[in-house]
Amino acid sequence: MKSSTSASTISPTTGLITFYDIALATPPPPLHKNRLLTKPLENVRSTLNFKNTPCKTKWVPLPAITSVRSALDIPASRKIADRSPYHTIPNISDPATGRMLGGSFSITAYLQEQSPSSGVGDLFPAQNLEFMFGRYLGLYALFAEA
């Protein structure tokens, strides 16, 4: 994580963004079956680095994720089969705006919105999404007239 700060990203009165990460005794190796556990965290950390956003990391033990996320007043992003909330990490808190966010995509979109031109550049550059099918795929009616 970069420790440099820039005046355009942070002021002394606002403080650093806090990134809540899972405290694992040892990180899983790159091709380990539990790699999915850390992928969203790596996405957020990469985004913070890409945007050159200074932050501090708060390490959260697995059993404390629910209490930490609840204390931040971030609603659960998922539900367990019994419909009870399932709290996850990553989370960030931004004292400059007072926002608390959870979920890697929400955090990435927020960081892009807050500082679109910082760091290496745009996280969501404009793209031409035109494509052609090899043959015509007409739309077929799901219902026929009676």
N, C-alpha and C. Protein backbone atom coordinates (compact mmCIF):
# COMPACT_ATOMS: atom_id res chain seq x y z
N MET A 1 0.85 -1.17 0.00
CA MET A 1 0.00 0.00 0.00
C MET A 1 0.89 1.22 0.00
N LYS A 2 0.56 2.17 -0.82
CA LYS A 2 1.36 3.38 -0.90
C LYS A 2 1.12 4.24 0.31
N SER A 3 2.18 4.81 0.84
CA SER A 3 2.04 5.64 2.03
C SER A 3 2.10 7.11 1.69
N SER A 4 2.29 7.44 0.43
CA SER A 4 2.36 8.85 0.06
C SER A 4 0.97 9.46 0.06
N THR A 5 0.93 10.76 0.29
CA THR A 5 -0.34 11.46 0.25
C THR A 5 -0.20 12.64 -0.69
N SER A 6 -1.31 13.04 -1.25
CA SER A 6 -1.30 14.21 -2.11
C SER A 6 -2.37 15.17 -1.63
N ALA A 7 -2.13 16.45 -1.82
CA ALA A 7 -3.06 17.47 -1.35
C ALA A 7 -4.41 17.36 -2.04
N SER A 8 -4.43 16.88 -3.28
CA SER A 8 -5.70 16.79 -3.99
C SER A 8 -6.57 15.64 -3.48
N THR A 9 -5.96 14.66 -2.86
CA THR A 9 -6.70 13.49 -2.41
C THR A 9 -7.12 13.60 -0.96
N ILE A 10 -6.33 14.23 -0.14
CA ILE A 10 -6.60 14.25 1.30
C ILE A 10 -6.15 15.56 1.90
N SER A 11 -6.90 16.03 2.87
CA SER A 11 -6.48 17.21 3.61
C SER A 11 -6.23 16.80 5.05
N PRO A 12 -5.43 17.56 5.79
CA PRO A 12 -5.11 17.16 7.16
C PRO A 12 -6.33 17.11 8.07
N THR A 13 -7.39 17.83 7.72
CA THR A 13 -8.56 17.86 8.60
C THR A 13 -9.51 16.70 8.35
N THR A 14 -9.39 16.02 7.22
CA THR A 14 -10.35 14.96 6.92
C THR A 14 -9.89 13.58 7.33
N GLY A 15 -8.61 13.33 7.37
CA GLY A 15 -8.12 12.01 7.74
C GLY A 15 -8.09 11.07 6.55
N LEU A 16 -7.55 9.90 6.80
CA LEU A 16 -7.40 8.88 5.76
C LEU A 16 -8.64 8.01 5.66
N ILE A 17 -8.86 7.47 4.47
CA ILE A 17 -9.87 6.43 4.30
C ILE A 17 -9.40 5.22 5.09
N THR A 18 -10.31 4.57 5.79
CA THR A 18 -9.98 3.34 6.50
C THR A 18 -10.49 2.17 5.68
N PHE A 19 -9.59 1.24 5.38
CA PHE A 19 -9.90 0.03 4.62
C PHE A 19 -9.95 -1.13 5.61
N TYR A 20 -11.09 -1.80 5.70
CA TYR A 20 -11.27 -2.93 6.61
C TYR A 20 -10.97 -4.21 5.85
N ASP A 21 -9.92 -4.91 6.29
CA ASP A 21 -9.43 -6.11 5.62
C ASP A 21 -9.49 -7.28 6.60
N ILE A 22 -9.55 -8.49 6.06
CA ILE A 22 -9.59 -9.69 6.90
C ILE A 22 -8.20 -9.98 7.45
N ALA A 23 -8.14 -10.21 8.75
CA ALA A 23 -6.88 -10.55 9.40
C ALA A 23 -6.71 -12.06 9.33
N LEU A 24 -5.90 -12.51 8.38
CA LEU A 24 -5.58 -13.93 8.26
C LEU A 24 -4.19 -14.16 8.82
N ALA A 25 -3.99 -15.30 9.48
CA ALA A 25 -2.68 -15.62 10.04
C ALA A 25 -1.63 -15.63 8.93
N THR A 26 -1.95 -16.31 7.85
CA THR A 26 -1.08 -16.32 6.67
C THR A 26 -1.98 -16.23 5.44
N PRO A 27 -1.61 -15.42 4.47
CA PRO A 27 -2.44 -15.34 3.28
C PRO A 27 -2.40 -16.64 2.48
N PRO A 28 -3.51 -17.01 1.83
CA PRO A 28 -3.48 -18.23 1.02
C PRO A 28 -2.56 -18.06 -0.17
N PRO A 29 -1.90 -19.13 -0.61
CA PRO A 29 -1.05 -19.03 -1.79
C PRO A 29 -1.89 -18.67 -3.02
N PRO A 30 -1.25 -18.14 -4.08
CA PRO A 30 -1.99 -17.64 -5.24
C PRO A 30 -2.99 -18.61 -5.87
N LEU A 31 -2.68 -19.88 -5.92
CA LEU A 31 -3.60 -20.82 -6.56
C LEU A 31 -4.34 -21.69 -5.55
N HIS A 32 -4.44 -21.25 -4.35
CA HIS A 32 -5.10 -22.01 -3.29
C HIS A 32 -6.61 -22.01 -3.51
N LYS A 33 -7.29 -23.09 -3.08
CA LYS A 33 -8.74 -23.19 -3.28
C LYS A 33 -9.51 -22.10 -2.53
N ASN A 34 -8.93 -21.51 -1.49
CA ASN A 34 -9.60 -20.44 -0.75
C ASN A 34 -9.25 -19.06 -1.30
N ARG A 35 -8.72 -19.01 -2.50
CA ARG A 35 -8.34 -17.75 -3.13
C ARG A 35 -9.54 -16.81 -3.23
N LEU A 36 -10.74 -17.34 -3.41
CA LEU A 36 -11.94 -16.51 -3.53
C LEU A 36 -12.20 -15.71 -2.26
N LEU A 37 -11.70 -16.17 -1.14
CA LEU A 37 -11.87 -15.45 0.11
C LEU A 37 -11.21 -14.08 0.06
N THR A 38 -10.08 -13.98 -0.61
CA THR A 38 -9.34 -12.73 -0.61
C THR A 38 -9.48 -11.91 -1.89
N LYS A 39 -10.11 -12.43 -2.93
CA LYS A 39 -10.18 -11.73 -4.21
C LYS A 39 -10.85 -10.36 -4.11
N PRO A 40 -12.03 -10.22 -3.48
CA PRO A 40 -12.63 -8.87 -3.37
C PRO A 40 -11.73 -7.90 -2.61
N LEU A 41 -11.01 -8.39 -1.63
CA LEU A 41 -10.09 -7.53 -0.88
C LEU A 41 -8.95 -7.05 -1.77
N GLU A 42 -8.43 -7.95 -2.59
CA GLU A 42 -7.37 -7.58 -3.51
C GLU A 42 -7.87 -6.57 -4.53
N ASN A 43 -9.13 -6.72 -4.98
CA ASN A 43 -9.69 -5.76 -5.93
C ASN A 43 -9.72 -4.36 -5.33
N VAL A 44 -10.16 -4.24 -4.09
CA VAL A 44 -10.23 -2.92 -3.45
C VAL A 44 -8.84 -2.38 -3.21
N ARG A 45 -7.93 -3.21 -2.73
CA ARG A 45 -6.57 -2.74 -2.49
C ARG A 45 -5.91 -2.28 -3.80
N SER A 46 -6.15 -3.02 -4.89
CA SER A 46 -5.63 -2.62 -6.20
C SER A 46 -6.23 -1.30 -6.65
N THR A 47 -7.53 -1.11 -6.40
CA THR A 47 -8.18 0.15 -6.76
C THR A 47 -7.60 1.30 -5.98
N LEU A 48 -7.39 1.12 -4.68
CA LEU A 48 -6.78 2.17 -3.86
C LEU A 48 -5.39 2.52 -4.39
N ASN A 49 -4.62 1.52 -4.77
CA ASN A 49 -3.29 1.77 -5.33
C ASN A 49 -3.38 2.44 -6.70
N PHE A 50 -4.29 1.96 -7.54
CA PHE A 50 -4.46 2.51 -8.89
C PHE A 50 -4.84 3.98 -8.83
N LYS A 51 -5.73 4.33 -7.89
CA LYS A 51 -6.18 5.71 -7.74
C LYS A 51 -5.23 6.53 -6.87
N ASN A 52 -4.15 5.90 -6.38
CA ASN A 52 -3.17 6.56 -5.52
C ASN A 52 -3.86 7.21 -4.31
N THR A 53 -4.77 6.45 -3.72
CA THR A 53 -5.56 6.93 -2.58
C THR A 53 -4.90 6.48 -1.29
N PRO A 54 -4.41 7.40 -0.49
CA PRO A 54 -3.81 7.00 0.78
C PRO A 54 -4.90 6.47 1.72
N CYS A 55 -4.56 5.44 2.45
CA CYS A 55 -5.53 4.86 3.38
C CYS A 55 -4.78 4.19 4.52
N LYS A 56 -5.54 3.88 5.55
CA LYS A 56 -5.00 3.05 6.62
C LYS A 56 -5.82 1.76 6.63
N THR A 57 -5.19 0.67 7.01
CA THR A 57 -5.85 -0.63 7.03
C THR A 57 -6.18 -1.01 8.46
N LYS A 58 -7.40 -1.43 8.66
CA LYS A 58 -7.81 -1.96 9.96
C LYS A 58 -8.06 -3.45 9.75
N TRP A 59 -7.30 -4.27 10.45
CA TRP A 59 -7.39 -5.72 10.30
C TRP A 59 -8.51 -6.25 11.17
N VAL A 60 -9.42 -7.02 10.55
CA VAL A 60 -10.61 -7.53 11.24
C VAL A 60 -10.54 -9.06 11.28
N PRO A 61 -10.55 -9.64 12.47
CA PRO A 61 -10.58 -11.11 12.55
C PRO A 61 -11.92 -11.63 12.00
N LEU A 62 -11.89 -12.82 11.42
CA LEU A 62 -13.11 -13.38 10.82
C LEU A 62 -14.32 -13.35 11.76
N PRO A 63 -14.19 -13.75 13.03
CA PRO A 63 -15.38 -13.75 13.89
C PRO A 63 -15.93 -12.35 14.19
N ALA A 64 -15.15 -11.30 13.94
CA ALA A 64 -15.58 -9.94 14.27
C ALA A 64 -16.18 -9.18 13.08
N ILE A 65 -16.26 -9.81 11.91
CA ILE A 65 -16.75 -9.10 10.73
C ILE A 65 -18.16 -8.55 10.95
N THR A 66 -19.06 -9.35 11.49
CA THR A 66 -20.43 -8.90 11.70
C THR A 66 -20.49 -7.72 12.64
N SER A 67 -19.77 -7.77 13.75
CA SER A 67 -19.82 -6.67 14.70
C SER A 67 -19.19 -5.39 14.14
N VAL A 68 -18.11 -5.53 13.38
CA VAL A 68 -17.47 -4.35 12.78
C VAL A 68 -18.38 -3.72 11.74
N ARG A 69 -18.93 -4.54 10.86
CA ARG A 69 -19.80 -3.99 9.81
C ARG A 69 -21.07 -3.39 10.42
N SER A 70 -21.61 -4.01 11.44
CA SER A 70 -22.79 -3.47 12.11
C SER A 70 -22.46 -2.14 12.79
N ALA A 71 -21.29 -2.06 13.42
CA ALA A 71 -20.88 -0.82 14.08
C ALA A 71 -20.71 0.32 13.07
N LEU A 72 -20.32 -0.02 11.84
CA LEU A 72 -20.18 1.00 10.79
C LEU A 72 -21.53 1.35 10.17
N ASP A 73 -22.58 0.64 10.56
CA ASP A 73 -23.93 0.84 10.05
C ASP A 73 -24.00 0.60 8.54
N ILE A 74 -23.27 -0.43 8.09
CA ILE A 74 -23.33 -0.85 6.69
C ILE A 74 -24.24 -2.07 6.63
N PRO A 75 -25.35 -1.98 5.90
CA PRO A 75 -26.26 -3.13 5.85
C PRO A 75 -25.58 -4.34 5.19
N ALA A 76 -26.04 -5.50 5.57
CA ALA A 76 -25.50 -6.74 4.98
C ALA A 76 -25.77 -6.74 3.49
N SER A 77 -24.82 -7.23 2.73
CA SER A 77 -24.98 -7.26 1.27
C SER A 77 -25.57 -8.59 0.80
N ARG A 78 -25.65 -9.54 1.69
CA ARG A 78 -26.17 -10.86 1.34
C ARG A 78 -27.05 -11.37 2.47
N LYS A 79 -27.80 -12.42 2.16
CA LYS A 79 -28.63 -13.09 3.16
C LYS A 79 -28.27 -14.57 3.16
N ILE A 80 -28.33 -15.17 4.35
CA ILE A 80 -28.13 -16.61 4.48
C ILE A 80 -29.46 -17.27 4.10
N ALA A 81 -29.48 -18.56 3.90
CA ALA A 81 -30.68 -19.27 3.47
C ALA A 81 -31.88 -19.00 4.39
N ASP A 82 -31.64 -18.79 5.67
CA ASP A 82 -32.76 -18.51 6.59
C ASP A 82 -33.17 -17.04 6.57
N ARG A 83 -32.61 -16.26 5.61
CA ARG A 83 -32.90 -14.84 5.39
C ARG A 83 -32.27 -13.92 6.44
N SER A 84 -31.38 -14.44 7.26
CA SER A 84 -30.68 -13.59 8.22
C SER A 84 -29.51 -12.91 7.49
N PRO A 85 -29.08 -11.74 7.97
CA PRO A 85 -28.02 -11.00 7.27
C PRO A 85 -26.68 -11.72 7.32
N TYR A 86 -25.93 -11.60 6.24
CA TYR A 86 -24.59 -12.17 6.14
C TYR A 86 -23.64 -11.03 5.85
N HIS A 87 -22.88 -10.63 6.84
CA HIS A 87 -21.97 -9.49 6.72
C HIS A 87 -20.64 -9.92 6.15
N THR A 88 -20.11 -9.11 5.25
CA THR A 88 -18.86 -9.44 4.57
C THR A 88 -17.88 -8.27 4.63
N ILE A 89 -16.69 -8.53 4.23
CA ILE A 89 -15.61 -7.57 4.06
C ILE A 89 -15.25 -7.66 2.58
N PRO A 90 -14.90 -6.64 1.86
CA PRO A 90 -14.25 -5.40 2.26
C PRO A 90 -15.24 -4.29 2.58
N ASN A 91 -14.77 -3.36 3.41
CA ASN A 91 -15.49 -2.15 3.77
C ASN A 91 -14.50 -1.00 3.79
N ILE A 92 -15.03 0.20 3.57
CA ILE A 92 -14.21 1.40 3.78
C ILE A 92 -15.05 2.43 4.53
N SER A 93 -14.37 3.30 5.24
CA SER A 93 -15.02 4.49 5.80
C SER A 93 -14.19 5.68 5.36
N ASP A 94 -14.90 6.70 4.88
CA ASP A 94 -14.24 7.89 4.38
C ASP A 94 -14.65 9.08 5.23
N PRO A 95 -13.76 9.55 6.12
CA PRO A 95 -14.12 10.66 7.00
C PRO A 95 -14.34 11.98 6.25
N ALA A 96 -13.81 12.10 5.04
CA ALA A 96 -13.99 13.33 4.26
C ALA A 96 -15.45 13.53 3.86
N THR A 97 -16.15 12.42 3.60
CA THR A 97 -17.55 12.51 3.18
C THR A 97 -18.51 11.90 4.19
N GLY A 98 -17.95 11.18 5.18
CA GLY A 98 -18.81 10.50 6.15
C GLY A 98 -19.42 9.21 5.62
N ARG A 99 -18.99 8.77 4.45
CA ARG A 99 -19.57 7.56 3.83
C ARG A 99 -18.90 6.30 4.37
N MET A 100 -19.73 5.28 4.57
CA MET A 100 -19.28 3.94 4.94
C MET A 100 -19.81 3.02 3.85
N LEU A 101 -18.93 2.26 3.23
CA LEU A 101 -19.33 1.40 2.11
C LEU A 101 -18.82 -0.01 2.30
N GLY A 102 -19.58 -0.96 1.76
CA GLY A 102 -19.17 -2.35 1.75
C GLY A 102 -19.36 -2.93 0.36
N GLY A 103 -18.54 -3.90 0.02
CA GLY A 103 -18.62 -4.54 -1.30
C GLY A 103 -17.60 -3.95 -2.24
N SER A 104 -16.86 -4.81 -2.93
CA SER A 104 -15.76 -4.33 -3.75
C SER A 104 -16.21 -3.44 -4.90
N PHE A 105 -17.32 -3.76 -5.58
CA PHE A 105 -17.73 -2.92 -6.69
C PHE A 105 -18.24 -1.56 -6.20
N SER A 106 -19.01 -1.55 -5.12
CA SER A 106 -19.51 -0.28 -4.57
C SER A 106 -18.35 0.62 -4.16
N ILE A 107 -17.34 0.03 -3.56
CA ILE A 107 -16.16 0.80 -3.14
C ILE A 107 -15.42 1.34 -4.35
N THR A 108 -15.23 0.50 -5.37
CA THR A 108 -14.53 0.92 -6.58
C THR A 108 -15.27 2.07 -7.26
N ALA A 109 -16.59 1.94 -7.40
CA ALA A 109 -17.38 3.00 -8.03
C ALA A 109 -17.30 4.29 -7.22
N TYR A 110 -17.33 4.17 -5.90
CA TYR A 110 -17.23 5.35 -5.03
C TYR A 110 -15.89 6.05 -5.19
N LEU A 111 -14.80 5.29 -5.20
CA LEU A 111 -13.47 5.88 -5.35
C LEU A 111 -13.33 6.58 -6.71
N GLN A 112 -13.90 6.00 -7.75
CA GLN A 112 -13.86 6.64 -9.07
C GLN A 112 -14.69 7.93 -9.05
N GLU A 113 -15.84 7.90 -8.39
CA GLU A 113 -16.71 9.08 -8.32
C GLU A 113 -16.03 10.22 -7.53
N GLN A 114 -15.35 9.87 -6.46
CA GLN A 114 -14.72 10.88 -5.61
C GLN A 114 -13.49 11.52 -6.24
N SER A 115 -12.73 10.75 -7.00
CA SER A 115 -11.51 11.29 -7.61
C SER A 115 -11.31 10.68 -8.99
N PRO A 116 -12.09 11.15 -9.96
CA PRO A 116 -12.05 10.54 -11.30
C PRO A 116 -10.71 10.64 -12.02
N SER A 117 -9.94 11.68 -11.76
CA SER A 117 -8.69 11.84 -12.52
C SER A 117 -7.44 11.55 -11.70
N SER A 118 -7.60 11.06 -10.48
CA SER A 118 -6.41 10.80 -9.66
C SER A 118 -5.75 9.48 -10.05
N GLY A 119 -4.54 9.33 -9.57
CA GLY A 119 -3.82 8.08 -9.81
C GLY A 119 -3.49 7.87 -11.28
N VAL A 120 -3.60 6.63 -11.71
CA VAL A 120 -3.26 6.26 -13.07
C VAL A 120 -4.32 6.74 -14.05
N GLY A 121 -5.56 6.90 -13.59
CA GLY A 121 -6.61 7.38 -14.48
C GLY A 121 -7.97 6.81 -14.16
N ASP A 122 -8.80 6.73 -15.18
CA ASP A 122 -10.19 6.32 -15.06
C ASP A 122 -10.30 4.81 -14.87
N LEU A 123 -11.08 4.41 -13.87
CA LEU A 123 -11.30 2.98 -13.64
C LEU A 123 -12.30 2.40 -14.63
N PHE A 124 -13.18 3.25 -15.15
CA PHE A 124 -14.21 2.80 -16.08
C PHE A 124 -14.14 3.63 -17.36
N PRO A 125 -13.10 3.42 -18.17
CA PRO A 125 -12.96 4.23 -19.39
C PRO A 125 -14.09 3.93 -20.38
N ALA A 126 -14.41 4.94 -21.19
CA ALA A 126 -15.43 4.75 -22.22
C ALA A 126 -14.98 3.64 -23.17
N GLN A 127 -15.94 2.82 -23.57
CA GLN A 127 -15.62 1.70 -24.46
C GLN A 127 -16.67 1.61 -25.55
N ASN A 128 -16.26 1.18 -26.71
CA ASN A 128 -17.17 0.90 -27.78
C ASN A 128 -17.63 -0.54 -27.62
N LEU A 129 -18.89 -0.74 -27.31
CA LEU A 129 -19.39 -2.08 -27.06
C LEU A 129 -20.20 -2.65 -28.22
N GLU A 130 -19.98 -2.11 -29.41
CA GLU A 130 -20.70 -2.62 -30.57
C GLU A 130 -20.12 -3.98 -30.95
N PHE A 131 -20.99 -4.86 -31.36
CA PHE A 131 -20.56 -6.16 -31.84
C PHE A 131 -21.58 -6.64 -32.86
N MET A 132 -21.20 -7.65 -33.63
CA MET A 132 -22.10 -8.18 -34.65
C MET A 132 -22.25 -9.67 -34.46
N PHE A 133 -23.46 -10.13 -34.68
CA PHE A 133 -23.71 -11.56 -34.68
C PHE A 133 -23.48 -12.09 -36.08
N GLY A 134 -23.10 -13.33 -36.19
CA GLY A 134 -22.90 -13.94 -37.49
C GLY A 134 -24.20 -14.13 -38.26
N ARG A 135 -25.30 -14.20 -37.57
CA ARG A 135 -26.60 -14.35 -38.23
C ARG A 135 -27.64 -13.55 -37.46
N TYR A 136 -28.75 -13.32 -38.07
CA TYR A 136 -29.81 -12.53 -37.45
C TYR A 136 -30.47 -13.34 -36.34
N LEU A 137 -30.53 -12.76 -35.17
CA LEU A 137 -31.21 -13.39 -34.04
C LEU A 137 -32.47 -12.58 -33.75
N GLY A 138 -33.54 -12.93 -34.40
CA GLY A 138 -34.80 -12.21 -34.22
C GLY A 138 -35.39 -12.47 -32.85
N LEU A 139 -36.20 -11.56 -32.41
CA LEU A 139 -36.90 -11.75 -31.15
C LEU A 139 -38.19 -12.51 -31.41
N TYR A 140 -38.44 -13.50 -30.65
CA TYR A 140 -39.64 -14.31 -30.80
C TYR A 140 -40.60 -14.00 -29.66
N ALA A 141 -41.88 -13.91 -30.01
CA ALA A 141 -42.91 -13.59 -29.03
C ALA A 141 -43.06 -14.75 -28.06
N LEU A 142 -43.19 -14.41 -26.79
CA LEU A 142 -43.39 -15.44 -25.78
C LEU A 142 -44.84 -15.86 -25.70
N PHE A 143 -45.72 -14.99 -26.14
CA PHE A 143 -47.15 -15.28 -26.07
C PHE A 143 -47.76 -15.15 -27.46
N ALA A 144 -48.65 -16.03 -27.78
CA ALA A 144 -49.35 -15.95 -29.06
C ALA A 144 -50.73 -15.36 -28.83
N GLU A 145 -51.27 -14.72 -29.86
CA GLU A 145 -52.63 -14.19 -29.73
C GLU A 145 -53.61 -15.33 -29.63
N ALA A 146 -54.63 -15.13 -28.81
CA ALA A 146 -55.64 -16.18 -28.62
C ALA A 146 -56.64 -16.19 -29.75
